[in-house]
PDB file of N, CA and C in Angstrom:
ATOM      1  N   MET A   1     -92.384 -44.895  63.246  1.00  0.00           N
ATOM      2  CA  MET A   1     -91.320 -45.508  62.448  1.00  0.00           C
ATOM      3  C   MET A   1     -90.781 -46.930  62.813  1.00  0.00           C
ATOM      4  N   ILE A   2     -91.020 -47.329  61.508  1.00  0.00           N
ATOM      5  CA  ILE A   2     -90.541 -48.882  61.173  1.00  0.00           C
ATOM      6  C   ILE A   2     -88.512 -48.701  61.190  1.00  0.00           C
ATOM      7  N   GLU A   3     -88.310 -49.200  61.934  1.00  0.00           N
ATOM      8  CA  GLU A   3     -87.212 -49.502  61.791  1.00  0.00           C
ATOM      9  C   GLU A   3     -86.532 -50.788  61.242  1.00  0.00           C
ATOM     10  N   GLN A   4     -85.564 -50.158  60.715  1.00  0.00           N
ATOM     11  CA  GLN A   4     -85.242 -51.051  58.938  1.00  0.00           C
ATOM     12  C   GLN A   4     -83.920 -51.975  59.657  1.00  0.00           C
ATOM     13  N   GLN A   5     -84.605 -53.808  59.560  1.00  0.00           N
ATOM     14  CA  GLN A   5     -83.186 -54.183  59.747  1.00  0.00           C
ATOM     15  C   GLN A   5     -82.366 -54.622  59.326  1.00  0.00           C
ATOM     16  N   LYS A   6     -81.197 -54.683  59.497  1.00  0.00           N
ATOM     17  CA  LYS A   6     -80.331 -56.285  58.999  1.00  0.00           C
ATOM     18  C   LYS A   6     -79.725 -56.747  58.962  1.00  0.00           C
ATOM     19  N   ASP A   7     -79.368 -56.968  57.600  1.00  0.00           N
ATOM     20  CA  ASP A   7     -79.730 -57.961  56.959  1.00  0.00           C
ATOM     21  C   ASP A   7     -78.144 -58.642  57.313  1.00  0.00           C
ATOM     22  N   PRO A   8     -77.371 -59.741  58.046  1.00  0.00           N
ATOM     23  CA  PRO A   8     -76.133 -60.041  58.864  1.00  0.00           C
ATOM     24  C   PRO A   8     -75.801 -60.616  57.416  1.00  0.00           C
ATOM     25  N   HIS A   9     -75.809 -60.973  56.115  1.00  0.00           N
ATOM     26  CA  HIS A   9     -74.784 -61.663  55.476  1.00  0.00           C
ATOM     27  C   HIS A   9     -75.211 -60.439  54.155  1.00  0.00           C
ATOM     28  N   ALA A  10     -75.165 -59.020  54.330  1.00  0.00           N
ATOM     29  CA  ALA A  10     -75.491 -58.741  53.583  1.00  0.00           C
ATOM     30  C   ALA A  10     -74.064 -57.438  52.973  1.00  0.00           C
ATOM     31  N   GLY A  11     -72.718 -57.875  54.102  1.00  0.00           N
ATOM     32  CA  GLY A  11     -71.448 -57.778  53.524  1.00  0.00           C
ATOM     33  C   GLY A  11     -71.194 -58.734  52.483  1.00  0.00           C
ATOM     34  N   GLN A  12     -71.744 -60.275  52.740  1.00  0.00           N
ATOM     35  CA  GLN A  12     -71.367 -61.555  52.269  1.00  0.00           C
ATOM     36  C   GLN A  12     -70.632 -61.234  50.787  1.00  0.00           C
ATOM     37  N   GLY A  13     -71.263 -60.659  49.893  1.00  0.00           N
ATOM     38  CA  GLY A  13     -71.295 -60.644  47.774  1.00  0.00           C
ATOM     39  C   GLY A  13     -69.522 -60.161  47.904  1.00  0.00           C
ATOM     40  N   LEU A  14     -70.274 -58.607  48.370  1.00  0.00           N
ATOM     41  CA  LEU A  14     -68.579 -57.922  48.130  1.00  0.00           C
ATOM     42  C   LEU A  14     -67.360 -58.612  48.819  1.00  0.00           C
ATOM     43  N   GLU A  15     -66.968 -59.648  50.256  1.00  0.00           N
ATOM     44  CA  GLU A  15     -66.283 -60.362  50.698  1.00  0.00           C
ATOM     45  C   GLU A  15     -65.958 -61.202  49.600  1.00  0.00           C
ATOM     46  N   THR A  16     -67.331 -61.791  48.859  1.00  0.00           N
ATOM     47  CA  THR A  16     -66.796 -62.693  48.208  1.00  0.00           C
ATOM     48  C   THR A  16     -66.257 -62.277  47.179  1.00  0.00           C
ATOM     49  N   ARG A  17     -66.367 -61.430  46.208  1.00  0.00           N
ATOM     50  CA  ARG A  17     -65.555 -60.832  44.756  1.00  0.00           C
ATOM     51  C   ARG A  17     -64.577 -60.308  45.495  1.00  0.00           C
ATOM     52  N   ARG A  18     -64.046 -60.233  46.571  1.00  0.00           N
ATOM     53  CA  ARG A  18     -62.821 -59.274  46.528  1.00  0.00           C
ATOM     54  C   ARG A  18     -62.087 -60.878  46.738  1.00  0.00           C
ATOM     55  N   ARG A  19     -62.242 -61.265  47.307  1.00  0.00           N
ATOM     56  CA  ARG A  19     -61.629 -62.806  47.492  1.00  0.00           C
ATOM     57  C   ARG A  19     -61.377 -63.406  46.011  1.00  0.00           C
ATOM     58  N   ARG A  20     -62.363 -63.815  45.803  1.00  0.00           N
ATOM     59  CA  ARG A  20     -62.443 -64.122  43.213  1.00  0.00           C
ATOM     60  C   ARG A  20     -61.459 -63.349  43.190  1.00  0.00           C
ATOM     61  N   ALA A  21     -61.259 -62.013  43.200  1.00  0.00           N
ATOM     62  CA  ALA A  21     -60.607 -60.919  41.958  1.00  0.00           C
ATOM     63  C   ALA A  21     -59.272 -60.614  42.891  1.00  0.00           C
ATOM     64  N   GLY A  22     -58.732 -61.685  44.710  1.00  0.00           N
ATOM     65  CA  GLY A  22     -57.507 -61.372  44.910  1.00  0.00           C
ATOM     66  C   GLY A  22     -56.997 -62.967  44.664  1.00  0.00           C
ATOM     67  N   TYR A  23     -57.540 -63.213  44.436  1.00  0.00           N
ATOM     68  CA  TYR A  23     -56.759 -64.479  43.938  1.00  0.00           C
ATOM     69  C   TYR A  23     -56.749 -65.059  41.887  1.00  0.00           C
ATOM     70  N   VAL A  24     -57.991 -64.285  41.773  1.00  0.00           N
ATOM     71  CA  VAL A  24     -57.504 -64.300  40.140  1.00  0.00           C
ATOM     72  C   VAL A  24     -55.920 -63.415  39.614  1.00  0.00           C
ATOM     73  N   GLY A  25     -55.800 -62.416  40.895  1.00  0.00           N
ATOM     74  CA  GLY A  25     -55.037 -61.384  40.567  1.00  0.00           C
ATOM     75  C   GLY A  25     -53.989 -62.281  41.234  1.00  0.00           C
ATOM     76  N   PHE A  26     -53.532 -63.152  42.490  1.00  0.00           N
ATOM     77  CA  PHE A  26     -52.132 -63.118  42.525  1.00  0.00           C
ATOM     78  C   PHE A  26     -52.354 -63.798  41.194  1.00  0.00           C
ATOM     79  N   LEU A  27     -53.032 -65.331  40.718  1.00  0.00           N
ATOM     80  CA  LEU A  27     -52.883 -66.081  39.641  1.00  0.00           C
ATOM     81  C   LEU A  27     -52.098 -65.770  38.564  1.00  0.00           C
ATOM     82  N   VAL A  28     -52.726 -64.731  38.220  1.00  0.00           N
ATOM     83  CA  VAL A  28     -52.490 -63.675  36.662  1.00  0.00           C
ATOM     84  C   VAL A  28     -50.970 -63.323  36.664  1.00  0.00           C
ATOM     85  N   GLY A  29     -51.005 -63.654  37.842  1.00  0.00           N
ATOM     86  CA  GLY A  29     -49.514 -61.939  38.161  1.00  0.00           C
ATOM     87  C   GLY A  29     -48.444 -62.910  38.846  1.00  0.00           C
ATOM     88  N   PHE A  30     -48.466 -63.657  39.108  1.00  0.00           N
ATOM     89  CA  PHE A  30     -47.532 -64.823  39.781  1.00  0.00           C
ATOM     90  C   PHE A  30     -47.126 -65.759  37.823  1.00  0.00           C
ATOM     91  N   VAL A  31     -47.941 -66.278  37.320  1.00  0.00           N
ATOM     92  CA  VAL A  31     -47.509 -66.981  35.580  1.00  0.00           C
ATOM     93  C   VAL A  31     -46.998 -65.792  34.826  1.00  0.00           C
ATOM     94  N   ALA A  32     -47.977 -64.352  35.062  1.00  0.00           N
ATOM     95  CA  ALA A  32     -47.157 -63.442  34.455  1.00  0.00           C
ATOM     96  C   ALA A  32     -45.878 -63.341  34.446  1.00  0.00           C
ATOM     97  N   THR A  33     -44.873 -62.836  35.628  1.00  0.00           N
ATOM     98  CA  THR A  33     -43.806 -63.024  35.198  1.00  0.00           C
ATOM     99  C   THR A  33     -42.841 -64.314  35.177  1.00  0.00           C
ATOM    100  N   LEU A  34     -43.250 -64.933  36.329  1.00  0.00           N
ATOM    101  CA  LEU A  34     -43.660 -66.475  35.383  1.00  0.00           C
ATOM    102  C   LEU A  34     -42.596 -66.626  33.950  1.00  0.00           C
ATOM    103  N   ALA A  35     -43.710 -66.020  33.248  1.00  0.00           N
ATOM    104  CA  ALA A  35     -43.415 -66.242  32.010  1.00  0.00           C
ATOM    105  C   ALA A  35     -42.923 -65.215  31.047  1.00  0.00           C
ATOM    106  N   PHE A  36     -42.354 -64.257  32.222  1.00  0.00           N
ATOM    107  CA  PHE A  36     -41.318 -63.261  31.349  1.00  0.00           C
ATOM    108  C   PHE A  36     -40.722 -63.658  31.899  1.00  0.00           C
ATOM    109  N   PHE A  37     -40.094 -64.060  32.882  1.00  0.00           N
ATOM    110  CA  PHE A  37     -38.470 -64.814  33.717  1.00  0.00           C
ATOM    111  C   PHE A  37     -38.640 -66.162  32.411  1.00  0.00           C
ATOM    112  N   ALA A  38     -39.239 -67.865  32.373  1.00  0.00           N
ATOM    113  CA  ALA A  38     -38.753 -67.962  30.936  1.00  0.00           C
ATOM    114  C   ALA A  38     -39.171 -67.475  29.563  1.00  0.00           C
ATOM    115  N   PHE A  39     -38.970 -66.679  29.058  1.00  0.00           N
ATOM    116  CA  PHE A  39     -39.046 -66.315  27.992  1.00  0.00           C
ATOM    117  C   PHE A  39     -38.844 -64.714  27.204  1.00  0.00           C
ATOM    118  N   PHE A  40     -38.439 -63.678  28.173  1.00  0.00           N
ATOM    119  CA  PHE A  40     -37.934 -63.086  27.949  1.00  0.00           C
ATOM    120  C   PHE A  40     -36.394 -62.434  27.077  1.00  0.00           C
ATOM    121  N   PRO A  41     -35.961 -62.462  25.909  1.00  0.00           N
ATOM    122  CA  PRO A  41     -34.784 -62.430  25.638  1.00  0.00           C
ATOM    123  C   PRO A  41     -33.830 -61.681  26.356  1.00  0.00           C
ATOM    124  N   GLY A  42     -32.902 -62.649  26.511  1.00  0.00           N
ATOM    125  CA  GLY A  42     -32.100 -61.853  26.639  1.00  0.00           C
ATOM    126  C   GLY A  42     -31.750 -61.960  28.407  1.00  0.00           C
ATOM    127  N   LEU A  43     -32.342 -62.853  29.104  1.00  0.00           N
ATOM    128  CA  LEU A  43     -32.002 -63.466  30.271  1.00  0.00           C
ATOM    129  C   LEU A  43     -31.669 -65.208  29.926  1.00  0.00           C
ATOM    130  N   PRO A  44     -31.806 -65.805  30.769  1.00  0.00           N
ATOM    131  CA  PRO A  44     -31.408 -66.868  30.856  1.00  0.00           C
ATOM    132  C   PRO A  44     -32.255 -67.444  30.900  1.00  0.00           C
ATOM    133  N   HIS A  45     -33.277 -68.508  30.307  1.00  0.00           N
ATOM    134  CA  HIS A  45     -34.079 -69.133  30.646  1.00  0.00           C
ATOM    135  C   HIS A  45     -34.171 -70.252  31.792  1.00  0.00           C
ATOM    136  N   VAL A  46     -34.185 -69.749  32.772  1.00  0.00           N
ATOM    137  CA  VAL A  46     -33.772 -70.626  34.062  1.00  0.00           C
ATOM    138  C   VAL A  46     -34.852 -69.595  34.504  1.00  0.00           C
ATOM    139  N   ILE A  47     -35.603 -71.284  35.905  1.00  0.00           N
ATOM    140  CA  ILE A  47     -36.724 -70.630  36.320  1.00  0.00           C
ATOM    141  C   ILE A  47     -36.064 -70.767  38.289  1.00  0.00           C
ATOM    142  N   ASP A  48     -35.346 -70.033  38.311  1.00  0.00           N
ATOM    143  CA  ASP A  48     -34.632 -70.207  39.658  1.00  0.00           C
ATOM    144  C   ASP A  48     -35.919 -69.299  40.678  1.00  0.00           C
ATOM    145  N   TRP A  49     -34.918 -69.263  42.581  1.00  0.00           N
ATOM    146  CA  TRP A  49     -35.434 -69.041  43.341  1.00  0.00           C
ATOM    147  C   TRP A  49     -36.069 -68.104  43.898  1.00  0.00           C
ATOM    148  N   GLY A  50     -34.943 -66.940  42.724  1.00  0.00           N
ATOM    149  CA  GLY A  50     -35.130 -65.532  42.350  1.00  0.00           C
ATOM    150  C   GLY A  50     -36.538 -65.299  41.637  1.00  0.00           C
ATOM    151  N   ALA A  51     -36.661 -65.181  40.205  1.00  0.00           N
ATOM    152  CA  ALA A  51     -38.353 -66.150  39.813  1.00  0.00           C
ATOM    153  C   ALA A  51     -39.179 -65.931  39.907  1.00  0.00           C
ATOM    154  N   ILE A  52     -39.451 -67.515  41.152  1.00  0.00           N
ATOM    155  CA  ILE A  52     -39.858 -67.219  41.446  1.00  0.00           C
ATOM    156  C   ILE A  52     -40.052 -66.567  42.885  1.00  0.00           C
ATOM    157  N   LEU A  53     -39.547 -66.315  43.997  1.00  0.00           N
ATOM    158  CA  LEU A  53     -40.019 -64.572  45.010  1.00  0.00           C
ATOM    159  C   LEU A  53     -40.185 -63.655  44.128  1.00  0.00           C
ATOM    160  N   ALA A  54     -39.345 -63.677  43.282  1.00  0.00           N
ATOM    161  CA  ALA A  54     -40.271 -62.390  42.262  1.00  0.00           C
ATOM    162  C   ALA A  54     -41.587 -62.109  41.921  1.00  0.00           C
ATOM    163  N   SER A  55     -42.078 -63.971  41.127  1.00  0.00           N
ATOM    164  CA  SER A  55     -43.439 -63.958  40.896  1.00  0.00           C
ATOM    165  C   SER A  55     -44.449 -63.602  41.515  1.00  0.00           C
ATOM    166  N   VAL A  56     -43.683 -64.493  42.698  1.00  0.00           N
ATOM    167  CA  VAL A  56     -45.191 -64.280  44.398  1.00  0.00           C
ATOM    168  C   VAL A  56     -45.080 -62.712  44.952  1.00  0.00           C
ATOM    169  N   ALA A  57     -44.298 -61.985  44.927  1.00  0.00           N
ATOM    170  CA  ALA A  57     -44.412 -60.793  45.179  1.00  0.00           C
ATOM    171  C   ALA A  57     -44.866 -59.897  44.481  1.00  0.00           C
ATOM    172  N   VAL A  58     -44.611 -60.233  42.917  1.00  0.00           N
ATOM    173  CA  VAL A  58     -45.661 -59.043  42.174  1.00  0.00           C
ATOM    174  C   VAL A  58     -46.854 -59.577  41.505  1.00  0.00           C
ATOM    175  N   GLY A  59     -47.450 -61.385  42.284  1.00  0.00           N
ATOM    176  CA  GLY A  59     -49.260 -61.681  42.202  1.00  0.00           C
ATOM    177  C   GLY A  59     -49.549 -61.639  44.023  1.00  0.00           C
ATOM    178  N   GLY A  60     -48.737 -60.977  44.950  1.00  0.00           N
ATOM    179  CA  GLY A  60     -48.851 -60.057  45.786  1.00  0.00           C
ATOM    180  C   GLY A  60     -49.313 -58.914  45.218  1.00  0.00           C
ATOM    181  N   LEU A  61     -48.549 -58.082  44.624  1.00  0.00           N
ATOM    182  CA  LEU A  61     -48.850 -56.938  44.299  1.00  0.00           C
ATOM    183  C   LEU A  61     -50.117 -56.885  43.547  1.00  0.00           C
ATOM    184  N   THR A  62     -50.229 -57.852  42.987  1.00  0.00           N
ATOM    185  CA  THR A  62     -51.425 -57.813  41.875  1.00  0.00           C
ATOM    186  C   THR A  62     -53.193 -58.189  42.557  1.00  0.00           C
ATOM    187  N   ARG A  63     -52.189 -58.967  44.053  1.00  0.00           N
ATOM    188  CA  ARG A  63     -53.916 -59.471  44.428  1.00  0.00           C
ATOM    189  C   ARG A  63     -54.424 -57.861  45.214  1.00  0.00           C
ATOM    190  N   TRP A  64     -53.181 -57.199  45.740  1.00  0.00           N
ATOM    191  CA  TRP A  64     -53.963 -56.209  46.557  1.00  0.00           C
ATOM    192  C   TRP A  64     -55.081 -55.318  45.717  1.00  0.00           C
ATOM    193  N   GLY A  65     -53.629 -55.234  44.438  1.00  0.00           N
ATOM    194  CA  GLY A  65     -53.919 -54.186  43.593  1.00  0.00           C
ATOM    195  C   GLY A  65     -55.621 -53.923  43.219  1.00  0.00           C
ATOM    196  N   CYS A  66     -55.796 -55.528  43.100  1.00  0.00           N
ATOM    197  CA  CYS A  66     -57.009 -56.177  42.135  1.00  0.00           C
ATOM    198  C   CYS A  66     -58.124 -56.505  43.396  1.00  0.00           C
ATOM    199  N   GLN A  67     -58.264 -56.550  44.714  1.00  0.00           N
ATOM    200  CA  GLN A  67     -59.082 -56.144  45.687  1.00  0.00           C
ATOM    201  C   GLN A  67     -59.205 -54.731  46.242  1.00  0.00           C
ATOM    202  N   SER A  68     -58.192 -53.447  46.243  1.00  0.00           N
ATOM    203  CA  SER A  68     -58.948 -52.872  46.132  1.00  0.00           C
ATOM    204  C   SER A  68     -59.502 -52.323  45.371  1.00  0.00           C
ATOM    205  N   TRP A  69     -59.278 -52.238  44.684  1.00  0.00           N
ATOM    206  CA  TRP A  69     -60.091 -52.203  42.862  1.00  0.00           C
ATOM    207  C   TRP A  69     -61.273 -52.781  43.110  1.00  0.00           C
ATOM    208  N   THR A  70     -61.454 -52.996  43.462  1.00  0.00           N
ATOM    209  CA  THR A  70     -63.232 -54.328  43.422  1.00  0.00           C
ATOM    210  C   THR A  70     -64.253 -53.732  44.721  1.00  0.00           C
ATOM    211  N   THR A  71     -63.286 -53.550  45.687  1.00  0.00           N
ATOM    212  CA  THR A  71     -63.659 -52.347  46.562  1.00  0.00           C
ATOM    213  C   THR A  71     -63.751 -50.718  46.555  1.00  0.00           C
ATOM    214  N   ARG A  72     -63.126 -50.675  45.622  1.00  0.00           N
ATOM    215  CA  ARG A  72     -63.229 -48.571  45.309  1.00  0.00           C
ATOM    216  C   ARG A  72     -64.499 -48.756  44.185  1.00  0.00           C
ATOM    217  N   ARG A  73     -64.687 -49.874  43.524  1.00  0.00           N
ATOM    218  CA  ARG A  73     -65.487 -49.877  42.594  1.00  0.00           C
ATOM    219  C   ARG A  73     -67.051 -50.138  43.188  1.00  0.00           C
ATOM    220  N   ALA A  74     -66.674 -51.277  43.971  1.00  0.00           N
ATOM    221  CA  ALA A  74     -68.304 -51.169  45.056  1.00  0.00           C
ATOM    222  C   ALA A  74     -68.280 -50.208  45.725  1.00  0.00           C
ATOM    223  N   GLY A  75     -67.765 -49.595  46.280  1.00  0.00           N
ATOM    224  CA  GLY A  75     -67.974 -48.561  46.818  1.00  0.00           C
ATOM    225  C   GLY A  75     -68.664 -46.948  45.460  1.00  0.00           C
ATOM    226  N   GLN A  76     -68.144 -47.270  44.482  1.00  0.00           N
ATOM    227  CA  GLN A  76     -68.492 -46.193  43.736  1.00  0.00           C
ATOM    228  C   GLN A  76     -69.996 -46.680  42.641  1.00  0.00           C
ATOM    229  N   LYS A  77     -70.461 -47.935  43.424  1.00  0.00           N
ATOM    230  CA  LYS A  77     -72.161 -47.694  42.690  1.00  0.00           C
ATOM    231  C   LYS A  77     -72.720 -47.997  43.563  1.00  0.00           C
ATOM    232  N   ALA A  78     -72.253 -47.410  45.400  1.00  0.00           N
ATOM    233  CA  ALA A  78     -72.732 -47.390  46.480  1.00  0.00           C
ATOM    234  C   ALA A  78     -73.235 -45.893  46.237  1.00  0.00           C
ATOM    235  N   LYS A  79     -72.993 -45.202  45.607  1.00  0.00           N
ATOM    236  CA  LYS A  79     -72.833 -43.554  45.945  1.00  0.00           C
ATOM    237  C   LYS A  79     -73.848 -43.519  44.942  1.00  0.00           C
ATOM    238  N   HIS A  80     -73.799 -44.113  44.145  1.00  0.00           N
ATOM    239  CA  HIS A  80     -74.906 -43.864  42.946  1.00  0.00           C
ATOM    240  C   HIS A  80     -76.367 -44.750  42.608  1.00  0.00           C
ATOM    241  N   MET A  81     -76.470 -45.282  43.809  1.00  0.00           N
ATOM    242  CA  MET A  81     -77.977 -45.729  44.106  1.00  0.00           C
ATOM    243  C   MET A  81     -78.383 -45.501  44.528  1.00  0.00           C
TER     244      MET A  81
END
């Protein structure tokens, strides 16, 4: 039998996609939350520390969601191949 050789860089593409999805997800969540606090009617249109901390938290949650979605999506593609 022929042994299959493993490529040491095989998982690098998935990790790169997860990292990019995390960056984009964080930025989208952060900017969307800041825009909400800045422009939503009825709120004082002031960006204070609470709005910044909330934006960082929402950005982190969005980052986590995008990374898990990317990982799950890659797993589904691997099953169908």
